[in-house]
Amino acid sequence: MSEGRESALRRLAAELQQARVEAEGHGDAWFVAVHTVDLEEVERMGRELGVDLTGGVDQAGALRG
């Protein structure tokens, strides 16, 4: 897998995780659900490509894993 594709997946997962946290902070259950489903899909794609994206996001917003 190219580093560019892996980097893009990691960035997207981090963005979705952050969006989900923000939606939780606003009490917006709909967007929490939407971002959760999208994040799960990106994690699935990562698994298929051999990239573990399930490590979570650290305080700086960088994906751990």
PDB file of N, CA and C in Angstrom:
ATOM      1  N   MET A   1       0.841  -1.172   0.000  1.00  0.00           N
ATOM      2  CA  MET A   1       0.000   0.000   0.000  1.00  0.00           C
ATOM      3  C   MET A   1       0.884   1.232   0.000  1.00  0.00           C
ATOM      4  N   SER A   2       0.495   2.218  -0.752  1.00  0.00           N
ATOM      5  CA  SER A   2       1.305   3.431  -0.810  1.00  0.00           C
ATOM      6  C   SER A   2       1.156   4.244   0.475  1.00  0.00           C
ATOM      7  N   GLU A   3       2.223   4.951   0.812  1.00  0.00           N
ATOM      8  CA  GLU A   3       2.181   5.789   2.011  1.00  0.00           C
ATOM      9  C   GLU A   3       1.115   6.860   1.889  1.00  0.00           C
ATOM     10  N   GLY A   4       0.900   7.357   0.681  1.00  0.00           N
ATOM     11  CA  GLY A   4      -0.111   8.389   0.470  1.00  0.00           C
ATOM     12  C   GLY A   4      -1.510   7.893   0.799  1.00  0.00           C
ATOM     13  N   ARG A   5      -1.815   6.680   0.387  1.00  0.00           N
ATOM     14  CA  ARG A   5      -3.147   6.124   0.659  1.00  0.00           C
ATOM     15  C   ARG A   5      -3.314   5.856   2.149  1.00  0.00           C
ATOM     16  N   GLU A   6      -2.272   5.306   2.775  1.00  0.00           N
ATOM     17  CA  GLU A   6      -2.334   5.050   4.217  1.00  0.00           C
ATOM     18  C   GLU A   6      -2.493   6.362   4.985  1.00  0.00           C
ATOM     19  N   SER A   7      -1.737   7.357   4.593  1.00  0.00           N
ATOM     20  CA  SER A   7      -1.822   8.666   5.243  1.00  0.00           C
ATOM     21  C   SER A   7      -3.214   9.264   5.090  1.00  0.00           C
ATOM     22  N   ALA A   8      -3.789   9.126   3.902  1.00  0.00           N
ATOM     23  CA  ALA A   8      -5.129   9.663   3.654  1.00  0.00           C
ATOM     24  C   ALA A   8      -6.164   8.952   4.524  1.00  0.00           C
ATOM     25  N   LEU A   9      -6.045   7.629   4.658  1.00  0.00           N
ATOM     26  CA  LEU A   9      -6.974   6.883   5.507  1.00  0.00           C
ATOM     27  C   LEU A   9      -6.837   7.306   6.971  1.00  0.00           C
ATOM     28  N   ARG A  10      -5.604   7.462   7.418  1.00  0.00           N
ATOM     29  CA  ARG A  10      -5.381   7.879   8.804  1.00  0.00           C
ATOM     30  C   ARG A  10      -5.947   9.284   9.051  1.00  0.00           C
ATOM     31  N   ARG A  11      -5.730  10.176   8.113  1.00  0.00           N
ATOM     32  CA  ARG A  11      -6.237  11.539   8.243  1.00  0.00           C
ATOM     33  C   ARG A  11      -7.776  11.541   8.266  1.00  0.00           C
ATOM     34  N   LEU A  12      -8.387  10.778   7.374  1.00  0.00           N
ATOM     35  CA  LEU A  12      -9.845  10.711   7.333  1.00  0.00           C
ATOM     36  C   LEU A  12     -10.406  10.124   8.627  1.00  0.00           C
ATOM     37  N   ALA A  13      -9.777   9.069   9.133  1.00  0.00           N
ATOM     38  CA  ALA A  13     -10.232   8.469  10.392  1.00  0.00           C
ATOM     39  C   ALA A  13     -10.128   9.478  11.532  1.00  0.00           C
ATOM     40  N   ALA A  14      -9.035  10.222  11.579  1.00  0.00           N
ATOM     41  CA  ALA A  14      -8.864  11.234  12.632  1.00  0.00           C
ATOM     42  C   ALA A  14      -9.920  12.332  12.510  1.00  0.00           C
ATOM     43  N   GLU A  15     -10.199  12.759  11.285  1.00  0.00           N
ATOM     44  CA  GLU A  15     -11.219  13.795  11.069  1.00  0.00           C
ATOM     45  C   GLU A  15     -12.601  13.311  11.485  1.00  0.00           C
ATOM     46  N   LEU A  16     -12.924  12.068  11.151  1.00  0.00           N
ATOM     47  CA  LEU A  16     -14.227  11.513  11.526  1.00  0.00           C
ATOM     48  C   LEU A  16     -14.342  11.352  13.034  1.00  0.00           C
ATOM     49  N   GLN A  17     -13.248  10.907  13.672  1.00  0.00           N
ATOM     50  CA  GLN A  17     -13.261  10.769  15.130  1.00  0.00           C
ATOM     51  C   GLN A  17     -13.485  12.130  15.781  1.00  0.00           C
ATOM     52  N   GLN A  18     -12.789  13.149  15.294  1.00  0.00           N
ATOM     53  CA  GLN A  18     -12.943  14.492  15.851  1.00  0.00           C
ATOM     54  C   GLN A  18     -14.361  15.012  15.632  1.00  0.00           C
ATOM     55  N   ALA A  19     -14.918  14.782  14.456  1.00  0.00           N
ATOM     56  CA  ALA A  19     -16.280  15.216  14.172  1.00  0.00           C
ATOM     57  C   ALA A  19     -17.274  14.520  15.095  1.00  0.00           C
ATOM     58  N   ARG A  20     -17.015  13.244  15.371  1.00  0.00           N
ATOM     59  CA  ARG A  20     -17.892  12.500  16.278  1.00  0.00           C
ATOM     60  C   ARG A  20     -17.813  13.072  17.689  1.00  0.00           C
ATOM     61  N   VAL A  21     -16.600  13.397  18.155  1.00  0.00           N
ATOM     62  CA  VAL A  21     -16.430  13.989  19.480  1.00  0.00           C
ATOM     63  C   VAL A  21     -17.161  15.329  19.564  1.00  0.00           C
ATOM     64  N   GLU A  22     -17.043  16.136  18.519  1.00  0.00           N
ATOM     65  CA  GLU A  22     -17.730  17.432  18.498  1.00  0.00           C
ATOM     66  C   GLU A  22     -19.244  17.250  18.513  1.00  0.00           C
ATOM     67  N   ALA A  23     -19.745  16.284  17.751  1.00  0.00           N
ATOM     68  CA  ALA A  23     -21.185  16.023  17.738  1.00  0.00           C
ATOM     69  C   ALA A  23     -21.661  15.563  19.113  1.00  0.00           C
ATOM     70  N   GLU A  24     -20.865  14.727  19.772  1.00  0.00           N
ATOM     71  CA  GLU A  24     -21.210  14.302  21.134  1.00  0.00           C
ATOM     72  C   GLU A  24     -21.270  15.505  22.059  1.00  0.00           C
ATOM     73  N   GLY A  25     -20.319  16.415  21.906  1.00  0.00           N
ATOM     74  CA  GLY A  25     -20.283  17.621  22.735  1.00  0.00           C
ATOM     75  C   GLY A  25     -21.495  18.508  22.545  1.00  0.00           C
ATOM     76  N   HIS A  26     -22.049  18.482  21.328  1.00  0.00           N
ATOM     77  CA  HIS A  26     -23.242  19.286  21.036  1.00  0.00           C
ATOM     78  C   HIS A  26     -24.530  18.530  21.341  1.00  0.00           C
ATOM     79  N   GLY A  27     -24.389  17.270  21.743  1.00  0.00           N
ATOM     80  CA  GLY A  27     -25.574  16.464  22.032  1.00  0.00           C
ATOM     81  C   GLY A  27     -26.356  16.084  20.775  1.00  0.00           C
ATOM     82  N   ASP A  28     -25.671  16.005  19.644  1.00  0.00           N
ATOM     83  CA  ASP A  28     -26.321  15.713  18.368  1.00  0.00           C
ATOM     84  C   ASP A  28     -26.210  14.224  18.051  1.00  0.00           C
ATOM     85  N   ALA A  29     -27.175  13.460  18.520  1.00  0.00           N
ATOM     86  CA  ALA A  29     -27.139  12.004  18.381  1.00  0.00           C
ATOM     87  C   ALA A  29     -27.119  11.570  16.917  1.00  0.00           C
ATOM     88  N   TRP A  30     -27.791  12.307  16.054  1.00  0.00           N
ATOM     89  CA  TRP A  30     -27.829  11.947  14.632  1.00  0.00           C
ATOM     90  C   TRP A  30     -26.421  11.986  14.036  1.00  0.00           C
ATOM     91  N   PHE A  31     -25.698  13.087  14.247  1.00  0.00           N
ATOM     92  CA  PHE A  31     -24.365  13.192  13.681  1.00  0.00           C
ATOM     93  C   PHE A  31     -23.374  12.250  14.369  1.00  0.00           C
ATOM     94  N   VAL A  32     -23.576  11.957  15.639  1.00  0.00           N
ATOM     95  CA  VAL A  32     -22.740  10.953  16.299  1.00  0.00           C
ATOM     96  C   VAL A  32     -22.890   9.626  15.555  1.00  0.00           C
ATOM     97  N   ALA A  33     -24.120   9.246  15.259  1.00  0.00           N
ATOM     98  CA  ALA A  33     -24.383   7.986  14.557  1.00  0.00           C
ATOM     99  C   ALA A  33     -23.792   8.003  13.149  1.00  0.00           C
ATOM    100  N   VAL A  34     -23.979   9.100  12.434  1.00  0.00           N
ATOM    101  CA  VAL A  34     -23.460   9.203  11.069  1.00  0.00           C
ATOM    102  C   VAL A  34     -21.938   9.086  11.064  1.00  0.00           C
ATOM    103  N   HIS A  35     -21.271   9.832  11.941  1.00  0.00           N
ATOM    104  CA  HIS A  35     -19.814   9.799  11.977  1.00  0.00           C
ATOM    105  C   HIS A  35     -19.297   8.443  12.449  1.00  0.00           C
ATOM    106  N   THR A  36     -20.027   7.793  13.343  1.00  0.00           N
ATOM    107  CA  THR A  36     -19.634   6.459  13.807  1.00  0.00           C
ATOM    108  C   THR A  36     -19.670   5.464  12.654  1.00  0.00           C
ATOM    109  N   VAL A  37     -20.749   5.487  11.884  1.00  0.00           N
ATOM    110  CA  VAL A  37     -20.873   4.573  10.748  1.00  0.00           C
ATOM    111  C   VAL A  37     -19.774   4.854   9.722  1.00  0.00           C
ATOM    112  N   ASP A  38     -19.532   6.128   9.436  1.00  0.00           N
ATOM    113  CA  ASP A  38     -18.483   6.481   8.478  1.00  0.00           C
ATOM    114  C   ASP A  38     -17.107   6.038   8.981  1.00  0.00           C
ATOM    115  N   LEU A  39     -16.834   6.240  10.269  1.00  0.00           N
ATOM    116  CA  LEU A  39     -15.556   5.833  10.842  1.00  0.00           C
ATOM    117  C   LEU A  39     -15.397   4.315  10.764  1.00  0.00           C
ATOM    118  N   GLU A  40     -16.451   3.577  11.067  1.00  0.00           N
ATOM    119  CA  GLU A  40     -16.385   2.121  10.975  1.00  0.00           C
ATOM    120  C   GLU A  40     -16.092   1.670   9.548  1.00  0.00           C
ATOM    121  N   GLU A  41     -16.645   2.358   8.567  1.00  0.00           N
ATOM    122  CA  GLU A  41     -16.394   2.017   7.169  1.00  0.00           C
ATOM    123  C   GLU A  41     -14.929   2.285   6.792  1.00  0.00           C
ATOM    124  N   VAL A  42     -14.386   3.406   7.237  1.00  0.00           N
ATOM    125  CA  VAL A  42     -12.987   3.719   6.961  1.00  0.00           C
ATOM    126  C   VAL A  42     -12.081   2.692   7.653  1.00  0.00           C
ATOM    127  N   GLU A  43     -12.417   2.308   8.890  1.00  0.00           N
ATOM    128  CA  GLU A  43     -11.640   1.281   9.586  1.00  0.00           C
ATOM    129  C   GLU A  43     -11.696  -0.047   8.845  1.00  0.00           C
ATOM    130  N   ARG A  44     -12.850  -0.385   8.301  1.00  0.00           N
ATOM    131  CA  ARG A  44     -12.996  -1.622   7.520  1.00  0.00           C
ATOM    132  C   ARG A  44     -12.098  -1.571   6.279  1.00  0.00           C
ATOM    133  N   MET A  45     -12.125  -0.439   5.582  1.00  0.00           N
ATOM    134  CA  MET A  45     -11.274  -0.296   4.403  1.00  0.00           C
ATOM    135  C   MET A  45      -9.803  -0.431   4.795  1.00  0.00           C
ATOM    136  N   GLY A  46      -9.447   0.166   5.919  1.00  0.00           N
ATOM    137  CA  GLY A  46      -8.079   0.055   6.396  1.00  0.00           C
ATOM    138  C   GLY A  46      -7.690  -1.387   6.660  1.00  0.00           C
ATOM    139  N   ARG A  47      -8.566  -2.125   7.329  1.00  0.00           N
ATOM    140  CA  ARG A  47      -8.278  -3.545   7.603  1.00  0.00           C
ATOM    141  C   ARG A  47      -8.057  -4.311   6.303  1.00  0.00           C
ATOM    142  N   GLU A  48      -8.887  -4.057   5.311  1.00  0.00           N
ATOM    143  CA  GLU A  48      -8.749  -4.750   4.024  1.00  0.00           C
ATOM    144  C   GLU A  48      -7.416  -4.433   3.351  1.00  0.00           C
ATOM    145  N   LEU A  49      -6.895  -3.245   3.642  1.00  0.00           N
ATOM    146  CA  LEU A  49      -5.627  -2.817   3.042  1.00  0.00           C
ATOM    147  C   LEU A  49      -4.437  -3.038   3.972  1.00  0.00           C
ATOM    148  N   GLY A  50      -4.689  -3.653   5.151  1.00  0.00           N
ATOM    149  CA  GLY A  50      -3.620  -3.951   6.080  1.00  0.00           C
ATOM    150  C   GLY A  50      -3.192  -2.770   6.939  1.00  0.00           C
ATOM    151  N   VAL A  51      -4.086  -1.807   7.144  1.00  0.00           N
ATOM    152  CA  VAL A  51      -3.778  -0.623   7.955  1.00  0.00           C
ATOM    153  C   VAL A  51      -4.700  -0.626   9.169  1.00  0.00           C
ATOM    154  N   ASP A  52      -4.109  -0.661  10.369  1.00  0.00           N
ATOM    155  CA  ASP A  52      -4.903  -0.649  11.599  1.00  0.00           C
ATOM    156  C   ASP A  52      -5.241   0.789  11.965  1.00  0.00           C
ATOM    157  N   LEU A  53      -6.503   1.132  11.906  1.00  0.00           N
ATOM    158  CA  LEU A  53      -6.968   2.482  12.222  1.00  0.00           C
ATOM    159  C   LEU A  53      -7.779   2.516  13.515  1.00  0.00           C
ATOM    160  N   THR A  54      -7.748   1.442  14.288  1.00  0.00           N
ATOM    161  CA  THR A  54      -8.600   1.352  15.470  1.00  0.00           C
ATOM    162  C   THR A  54      -7.927   1.877  16.736  1.00  0.00           C
ATOM    163  N   GLY A  55      -6.737   2.473  16.614  1.00  0.00           N
ATOM    164  CA  GLY A  55      -5.997   2.934  17.788  1.00  0.00           C
ATOM    165  C   GLY A  55      -6.580   4.152  18.452  1.00  0.00           C
ATOM    166  N   GLY A  56      -7.449   4.878  17.794  1.00  0.00           N
ATOM    167  CA  GLY A  56      -8.035   6.066  18.378  1.00  0.00           C
ATOM    168  C   GLY A  56      -7.261   7.312  18.030  1.00  0.00           C
ATOM    169  N   VAL A  57      -7.663   8.424  18.624  1.00  0.00           N
ATOM    170  CA  VAL A  57      -7.080   9.719  18.338  1.00  0.00           C
ATOM    171  C   VAL A  57      -6.510  10.282  19.627  1.00  0.00           C
ATOM    172  N   ASP A  58      -5.304  10.831  19.566  1.00  0.00           N
ATOM    173  CA  ASP A  58      -4.722  11.430  20.766  1.00  0.00           C
ATOM    174  C   ASP A  58      -5.212  12.865  20.932  1.00  0.00           C
ATOM    175  N   GLN A  59      -4.770  13.547  21.965  1.00  0.00           N
ATOM    176  CA  GLN A  59      -5.255  14.887  22.285  1.00  0.00           C
ATOM    177  C   GLN A  59      -4.968  15.892  21.178  1.00  0.00           C
ATOM    178  N   ALA A  60      -3.921  15.684  20.390  1.00  0.00           N
ATOM    179  CA  ALA A  60      -3.566  16.611  19.316  1.00  0.00           C
ATOM    180  C   ALA A  60      -4.359  16.324  18.050  1.00  0.00           C
ATOM    181  N   GLY A  61      -5.186  15.277  18.067  1.00  0.00           N
ATOM    182  CA  GLY A  61      -5.968  14.939  16.893  1.00  0.00           C
ATOM    183  C   GLY A  61      -5.269  14.007  15.931  1.00  0.00           C
ATOM    184  N   ALA A  62      -4.076  13.562  16.299  1.00  0.00           N
ATOM    185  CA  ALA A  62      -3.351  12.628  15.452  1.00  0.00           C
ATOM    186  C   ALA A  62      -3.805  11.214  15.766  1.00  0.00           C
ATOM    187  N   LEU A  63      -3.969  10.440  14.746  1.00  0.00           N
ATOM    188  CA  LEU A  63      -4.431   9.073  14.940  1.00  0.00           C
ATOM    189  C   LEU A  63      -3.327   8.236  15.544  1.00  0.00           C
ATOM    190  N   ARG A  64      -3.675   7.510  16.597  1.00  0.00           N
ATOM    191  CA  ARG A  64      -2.740   6.548  17.193  1.00  0.00           C
ATOM    192  C   ARG A  64      -2.992   5.201  16.540  1.00  0.00           C
ATOM    193  N   GLY A  65      -1.989   4.368  16.534  1.00  0.00           N
ATOM    194  CA  GLY A  65      -2.238   3.024  16.062  1.00  0.00           C
ATOM    195  C   GLY A  65      -1.194   2.438  15.247  1.00  0.00           C
TER     196      GLY A  65
END
